[in-house]
Amino acid sequence: MGKCKDITRLLSDALDRRLTAGEWLAIGVHLPTCSGCRNFRKQIAQLRDASREISGTDRETPEEPRS
């Protein structure tokens, strides 16, 4: 399985569940070197925000741990 495929899967999974520290670490190591995955992350964030606005929900999703 390609690294980008793994990372985009994790970014998608983060919308539905809390990721482990190891999963966030894998994302954090990969994103600085991959503009495609950074763009994917931005796009799913925009879709999530638009979906919340349209539905009127203010449901919190698991977020990246803060340093």
PDB file of N, CA and C in Angstrom:
ATOM      1  N   MET A   1       0.853  -1.188   0.000  1.00  0.00           N
ATOM      2  CA  MET A   1       0.000   0.000   0.000  1.00  0.00           C
ATOM      3  C   MET A   1       0.890   1.239   0.000  1.00  0.00           C
ATOM      4  N   GLY A   2       0.540   2.205  -0.816  1.00  0.00           N
ATOM      5  CA  GLY A   2       1.333   3.425  -0.898  1.00  0.00           C
ATOM      6  C   GLY A   2       1.183   4.302   0.326  1.00  0.00           C
ATOM      7  N   LYS A   3       2.196   5.046   0.622  1.00  0.00           N
ATOM      8  CA  LYS A   3       2.191   5.914   1.797  1.00  0.00           C
ATOM      9  C   LYS A   3       1.049   6.933   1.734  1.00  0.00           C
ATOM     10  N   CYS A   4       0.836   7.550   0.589  1.00  0.00           N
ATOM     11  CA  CYS A   4      -0.242   8.539   0.465  1.00  0.00           C
ATOM     12  C   CYS A   4      -1.607   7.899   0.693  1.00  0.00           C
ATOM     13  N   LYS A   5      -1.775   6.688   0.211  1.00  0.00           N
ATOM     14  CA  LYS A   5      -3.044   5.992   0.428  1.00  0.00           C
ATOM     15  C   LYS A   5      -3.282   5.775   1.920  1.00  0.00           C
ATOM     16  N   ASP A   6      -2.246   5.407   2.645  1.00  0.00           N
ATOM     17  CA  ASP A   6      -2.356   5.219   4.096  1.00  0.00           C
ATOM     18  C   ASP A   6      -2.713   6.531   4.800  1.00  0.00           C
ATOM     19  N   ILE A   7      -2.042   7.593   4.415  1.00  0.00           N
ATOM     20  CA  ILE A   7      -2.241   8.885   5.075  1.00  0.00           C
ATOM     21  C   ILE A   7      -3.627   9.444   4.776  1.00  0.00           C
ATOM     22  N   THR A   8      -4.072   9.369   3.536  1.00  0.00           N
ATOM     23  CA  THR A   8      -5.410   9.882   3.233  1.00  0.00           C
ATOM     24  C   THR A   8      -6.479   9.060   3.947  1.00  0.00           C
ATOM     25  N   ARG A   9      -6.249   7.765   4.098  1.00  0.00           N
ATOM     26  CA  ARG A   9      -7.182   6.920   4.861  1.00  0.00           C
ATOM     27  C   ARG A   9      -7.237   7.391   6.312  1.00  0.00           C
ATOM     28  N   LEU A  10      -6.085   7.657   6.906  1.00  0.00           N
ATOM     29  CA  LEU A  10      -6.055   8.136   8.286  1.00  0.00           C
ATOM     30  C   LEU A  10      -6.749   9.491   8.420  1.00  0.00           C
ATOM     31  N   LEU A  11      -6.520  10.379   7.471  1.00  0.00           N
ATOM     32  CA  LEU A  11      -7.176  11.688   7.518  1.00  0.00           C
ATOM     33  C   LEU A  11      -8.691  11.534   7.430  1.00  0.00           C
ATOM     34  N   SER A  12      -9.148  10.614   6.629  1.00  0.00           N
ATOM     35  CA  SER A  12     -10.586  10.336   6.541  1.00  0.00           C
ATOM     36  C   SER A  12     -11.091   9.700   7.826  1.00  0.00           C
ATOM     37  N   ASP A  13     -10.339   8.749   8.348  1.00  0.00           N
ATOM     38  CA  ASP A  13     -10.735   8.089   9.595  1.00  0.00           C
ATOM     39  C   ASP A  13     -10.864   9.082  10.740  1.00  0.00           C
ATOM     40  N   ALA A  14     -10.029  10.110  10.727  1.00  0.00           N
ATOM     41  CA  ALA A  14     -10.046  11.106  11.805  1.00  0.00           C
ATOM     42  C   ALA A  14     -11.382  11.835  11.892  1.00  0.00           C
ATOM     43  N   LEU A  15     -12.165  11.807  10.827  1.00  0.00           N
ATOM     44  CA  LEU A  15     -13.491  12.430  10.865  1.00  0.00           C
ATOM     45  C   LEU A  15     -14.466  11.593  11.682  1.00  0.00           C
ATOM     46  N   ASP A  16     -14.183  10.306  11.806  1.00  0.00           N
ATOM     47  CA  ASP A  16     -15.115   9.382  12.459  1.00  0.00           C
ATOM     48  C   ASP A  16     -14.653   8.849  13.807  1.00  0.00           C
ATOM     49  N   ARG A  17     -13.374   8.903  14.059  1.00  0.00           N
ATOM     50  CA  ARG A  17     -12.855   8.330  15.306  1.00  0.00           C
ATOM     51  C   ARG A  17     -11.604   9.076  15.738  1.00  0.00           C
ATOM     52  N   ARG A  18     -11.250   8.877  16.987  1.00  0.00           N
ATOM     53  CA  ARG A  18      -9.998   9.448  17.488  1.00  0.00           C
ATOM     54  C   ARG A  18      -8.841   8.587  16.996  1.00  0.00           C
ATOM     55  N   LEU A  19      -7.860   9.249  16.420  1.00  0.00           N
ATOM     56  CA  LEU A  19      -6.667   8.533  15.975  1.00  0.00           C
ATOM     57  C   LEU A  19      -5.717   8.351  17.148  1.00  0.00           C
ATOM     58  N   THR A  20      -4.890   7.343  17.047  1.00  0.00           N
ATOM     59  CA  THR A  20      -3.883   7.107  18.075  1.00  0.00           C
ATOM     60  C   THR A  20      -2.737   8.107  17.901  1.00  0.00           C
ATOM     61  N   ALA A  21      -1.916   8.203  18.914  1.00  0.00           N
ATOM     62  CA  ALA A  21      -0.750   9.086  18.829  1.00  0.00           C
ATOM     63  C   ALA A  21       0.161   8.650  17.686  1.00  0.00           C
ATOM     64  N   GLY A  22       0.305   7.348  17.505  1.00  0.00           N
ATOM     65  CA  GLY A  22       1.145   6.836  16.420  1.00  0.00           C
ATOM     66  C   GLY A  22       0.602   7.197  15.043  1.00  0.00           C
ATOM     67  N   GLU A  23      -0.732   7.171  14.913  1.00  0.00           N
ATOM     68  CA  GLU A  23      -1.341   7.550  13.643  1.00  0.00           C
ATOM     69  C   GLU A  23      -1.127   9.034  13.361  1.00  0.00           C
ATOM     70  N   TRP A  24      -1.291   9.886  14.388  1.00  0.00           N
ATOM     71  CA  TRP A  24      -1.034  11.316  14.206  1.00  0.00           C
ATOM     72  C   TRP A  24       0.434  11.573  13.883  1.00  0.00           C
ATOM     73  N   LEU A  25       1.310  10.779  14.487  1.00  0.00           N
ATOM     74  CA  LEU A  25       2.741  10.922  14.206  1.00  0.00           C
ATOM     75  C   LEU A  25       3.027  10.606  12.736  1.00  0.00           C
ATOM     76  N   ALA A  26       2.440   9.532  12.238  1.00  0.00           N
ATOM     77  CA  ALA A  26       2.639   9.159  10.826  1.00  0.00           C
ATOM     78  C   ALA A  26       2.154  10.281   9.909  1.00  0.00           C
ATOM     79  N   ILE A  27       1.016  10.874  10.240  1.00  0.00           N
ATOM     80  CA  ILE A  27       0.489  11.989   9.451  1.00  0.00           C
ATOM     81  C   ILE A  27       1.437  13.180   9.533  1.00  0.00           C
ATOM     82  N   GLY A  28       1.876  13.497  10.743  1.00  0.00           N
ATOM     83  CA  GLY A  28       2.748  14.649  10.957  1.00  0.00           C
ATOM     84  C   GLY A  28       4.088  14.536  10.252  1.00  0.00           C
ATOM     85  N   VAL A  29       4.587  13.333  10.116  1.00  0.00           N
ATOM     86  CA  VAL A  29       5.864  13.116   9.426  1.00  0.00           C
ATOM     87  C   VAL A  29       5.674  13.213   7.917  1.00  0.00           C
ATOM     88  N   HIS A  30       4.533  12.739   7.433  1.00  0.00           N
ATOM     89  CA  HIS A  30       4.292  12.684   5.990  1.00  0.00           C
ATOM     90  C   HIS A  30       3.878  14.029   5.379  1.00  0.00           C
ATOM     91  N   LEU A  31       3.003  14.760   6.066  1.00  0.00           N
ATOM     92  CA  LEU A  31       2.428  15.971   5.466  1.00  0.00           C
ATOM     93  C   LEU A  31       3.439  17.030   5.028  1.00  0.00           C
ATOM     94  N   PRO A  32       4.497  17.281   5.769  1.00  0.00           N
ATOM     95  CA  PRO A  32       5.441  18.316   5.312  1.00  0.00           C
ATOM     96  C   PRO A  32       6.086  18.011   3.962  1.00  0.00           C
ATOM     97  N   THR A  33       6.107  16.756   3.582  1.00  0.00           N
ATOM     98  CA  THR A  33       6.781  16.388   2.331  1.00  0.00           C
ATOM     99  C   THR A  33       5.820  16.092   1.188  1.00  0.00           C
ATOM    100  N   CYS A  34       4.515  16.208   1.430  1.00  0.00           N
ATOM    101  CA  CYS A  34       3.561  15.787   0.399  1.00  0.00           C
ATOM    102  C   CYS A  34       2.440  16.812   0.204  1.00  0.00           C
ATOM    103  N   SER A  35       2.552  17.585  -0.848  1.00  0.00           N
ATOM    104  CA  SER A  35       1.534  18.612  -1.109  1.00  0.00           C
ATOM    105  C   SER A  35       0.178  17.995  -1.460  1.00  0.00           C
ATOM    106  N   GLY A  36       0.183  16.826  -2.073  1.00  0.00           N
ATOM    107  CA  GLY A  36      -1.075  16.161  -2.414  1.00  0.00           C
ATOM    108  C   GLY A  36      -1.880  15.813  -1.172  1.00  0.00           C
ATOM    109  N   CYS A  37      -1.233  15.270  -0.167  1.00  0.00           N
ATOM    110  CA  CYS A  37      -1.923  14.918   1.069  1.00  0.00           C
ATOM    111  C   CYS A  37      -2.320  16.167   1.858  1.00  0.00           C
ATOM    112  N   ARG A  38      -1.496  17.211   1.797  1.00  0.00           N
ATOM    113  CA  ARG A  38      -1.880  18.476   2.452  1.00  0.00           C
ATOM    114  C   ARG A  38      -3.131  19.043   1.795  1.00  0.00           C
ATOM    115  N   ASN A  39      -3.188  18.985   0.476  1.00  0.00           N
ATOM    116  CA  ASN A  39      -4.383  19.461  -0.232  1.00  0.00           C
ATOM    117  C   ASN A  39      -5.603  18.618   0.131  1.00  0.00           C
ATOM    118  N   PHE A  40      -5.432  17.310   0.220  1.00  0.00           N
ATOM    119  CA  PHE A  40      -6.531  16.431   0.606  1.00  0.00           C
ATOM    120  C   PHE A  40      -7.047  16.810   1.995  1.00  0.00           C
ATOM    121  N   ARG A  41      -6.131  17.064   2.912  1.00  0.00           N
ATOM    122  CA  ARG A  41      -6.514  17.455   4.282  1.00  0.00           C
ATOM    123  C   ARG A  41      -7.333  18.750   4.271  1.00  0.00           C
ATOM    124  N   LYS A  42      -6.908  19.722   3.483  1.00  0.00           N
ATOM    125  CA  LYS A  42      -7.654  20.982   3.378  1.00  0.00           C
ATOM    126  C   LYS A  42      -9.039  20.763   2.782  1.00  0.00           C
ATOM    127  N   GLN A  43      -9.097  19.922   1.761  1.00  0.00           N
ATOM    128  CA  GLN A  43     -10.367  19.672   1.087  1.00  0.00           C
ATOM    129  C   GLN A  43     -11.363  18.962   1.991  1.00  0.00           C
ATOM    130  N   ILE A  44     -10.917  17.968   2.761  1.00  0.00           N
ATOM    131  CA  ILE A  44     -11.880  17.293   3.631  1.00  0.00           C
ATOM    132  C   ILE A  44     -12.306  18.207   4.775  1.00  0.00           C
ATOM    133  N   ALA A  45     -11.430  19.102   5.202  1.00  0.00           N
ATOM    134  CA  ALA A  45     -11.816  20.070   6.234  1.00  0.00           C
ATOM    135  C   ALA A  45     -12.889  21.019   5.686  1.00  0.00           C
ATOM    136  N   GLN A  46     -12.731  21.455   4.448  1.00  0.00           N
ATOM    137  CA  GLN A  46     -13.736  22.330   3.833  1.00  0.00           C
ATOM    138  C   GLN A  46     -15.071  21.603   3.673  1.00  0.00           C
ATOM    139  N   LEU A  47     -15.032  20.340   3.258  1.00  0.00           N
ATOM    140  CA  LEU A  47     -16.259  19.563   3.126  1.00  0.00           C
ATOM    141  C   LEU A  47     -16.935  19.370   4.477  1.00  0.00           C
ATOM    142  N   ARG A  48     -16.151  19.088   5.495  1.00  0.00           N
ATOM    143  CA  ARG A  48     -16.694  18.925   6.851  1.00  0.00           C
ATOM    144  C   ARG A  48     -17.367  20.213   7.321  1.00  0.00           C
ATOM    145  N   ASP A  49     -16.700  21.338   7.121  1.00  0.00           N
ATOM    146  CA  ASP A  49     -17.252  22.624   7.542  1.00  0.00           C
ATOM    147  C   ASP A  49     -18.525  22.970   6.775  1.00  0.00           C
ATOM    148  N   ALA A  50     -18.531  22.727   5.478  1.00  0.00           N
ATOM    149  CA  ALA A  50     -19.717  23.002   4.664  1.00  0.00           C
ATOM    150  C   ALA A  50     -20.872  22.102   5.087  1.00  0.00           C
ATOM    151  N   SER A  51     -20.584  20.852   5.360  1.00  0.00           N
ATOM    152  CA  SER A  51     -21.607  19.908   5.797  1.00  0.00           C
ATOM    153  C   SER A  51     -22.216  20.341   7.119  1.00  0.00           C
ATOM    154  N   ARG A  52     -21.383  20.774   8.045  1.00  0.00           N
ATOM    155  CA  ARG A  52     -21.880  21.255   9.341  1.00  0.00           C
ATOM    156  C   ARG A  52     -22.758  22.484   9.167  1.00  0.00           C
ATOM    157  N   GLU A  53     -22.318  23.390   8.317  1.00  0.00           N
ATOM    158  CA  GLU A  53     -23.079  24.622   8.103  1.00  0.00           C
ATOM    159  C   GLU A  53     -24.450  24.320   7.499  1.00  0.00           C
ATOM    160  N   ILE A  54     -24.473  23.451   6.509  1.00  0.00           N
ATOM    161  CA  ILE A  54     -25.732  23.106   5.847  1.00  0.00           C
ATOM    162  C   ILE A  54     -26.684  22.379   6.791  1.00  0.00           C
ATOM    163  N   SER A  55     -26.137  21.451   7.567  1.00  0.00           N
ATOM    164  CA  SER A  55     -26.985  20.649   8.450  1.00  0.00           C
ATOM    165  C   SER A  55     -27.325  21.375   9.747  1.00  0.00           C
ATOM    166  N   GLY A  56     -26.592  22.418  10.055  1.00  0.00           N
ATOM    167  CA  GLY A  56     -26.834  23.154  11.287  1.00  0.00           C
ATOM    168  C   GLY A  56     -26.306  22.446  12.525  1.00  0.00           C
ATOM    169  N   THR A  57     -25.511  21.411  12.324  1.00  0.00           N
ATOM    170  CA  THR A  57     -24.947  20.692  13.457  1.00  0.00           C
ATOM    171  C   THR A  57     -23.654  21.331  13.898  1.00  0.00           C
ATOM    172  N   ASP A  58     -23.423  21.199  15.168  1.00  0.00           N
ATOM    173  CA  ASP A  58     -22.191  21.716  15.750  1.00  0.00           C
ATOM    174  C   ASP A  58     -21.449  20.564  16.413  1.00  0.00           C
ATOM    175  N   ARG A  59     -21.551  19.383  15.817  1.00  0.00           N
ATOM    176  CA  ARG A  59     -20.934  18.185  16.377  1.00  0.00           C
ATOM    177  C   ARG A  59     -19.422  18.285  16.287  1.00  0.00           C
ATOM    178  N   GLU A  60     -18.770  18.005  17.396  1.00  0.00           N
ATOM    179  CA  GLU A  60     -17.316  18.008  17.419  1.00  0.00           C
ATOM    180  C   GLU A  60     -16.799  16.697  16.835  1.00  0.00           C
ATOM    181  N   THR A  61     -15.747  16.786  16.055  1.00  0.00           N
ATOM    182  CA  THR A  61     -15.081  15.591  15.545  1.00  0.00           C
ATOM    183  C   THR A  61     -13.734  15.496  16.234  1.00  0.00           C
ATOM    184  N   PRO A  62     -13.201  14.292  16.308  1.00  0.00           N
ATOM    185  CA  PRO A  62     -11.874  14.158  16.917  1.00  0.00           C
ATOM    186  C   PRO A  62     -10.871  15.035  16.183  1.00  0.00           C
ATOM    187  N   GLU A  63     -10.074  15.721  16.960  1.00  0.00           N
ATOM    188  CA  GLU A  63      -9.098  16.624  16.370  1.00  0.00           C
ATOM    189  C   GLU A  63      -7.702  16.147  16.649  1.00  0.00           C
ATOM    190  N   GLU A  64      -6.795  16.714  15.910  1.00  0.00           N
ATOM    191  CA  GLU A  64      -5.382  16.424  16.115  1.00  0.00           C
ATOM    192  C   GLU A  64      -4.996  16.900  17.510  1.00  0.00           C
ATOM    193  N   PRO A  65      -4.242  16.079  18.236  1.00  0.00           N
ATOM    194  CA  PRO A  65      -3.813  16.500  19.563  1.00  0.00           C
ATOM    195  C   PRO A  65      -2.981  17.767  19.479  1.00  0.00           C
ATOM    196  N   ARG A  66      -3.166  18.623  20.434  1.00  0.00           N
ATOM    197  CA  ARG A  66      -2.405  19.879  20.465  1.00  0.00           C
ATOM    198  C   ARG A  66      -1.084  19.661  21.185  1.00  0.00           C
ATOM    199  N   SER A  67      -0.056  20.321  20.698  1.00  0.00           N
ATOM    200  CA  SER A  67       1.278  20.178  21.305  1.00  0.00           C
ATOM    201  C   SER A  67       1.416  21.079  22.498  1.00  0.00           C
TER     202      SER A  67
END
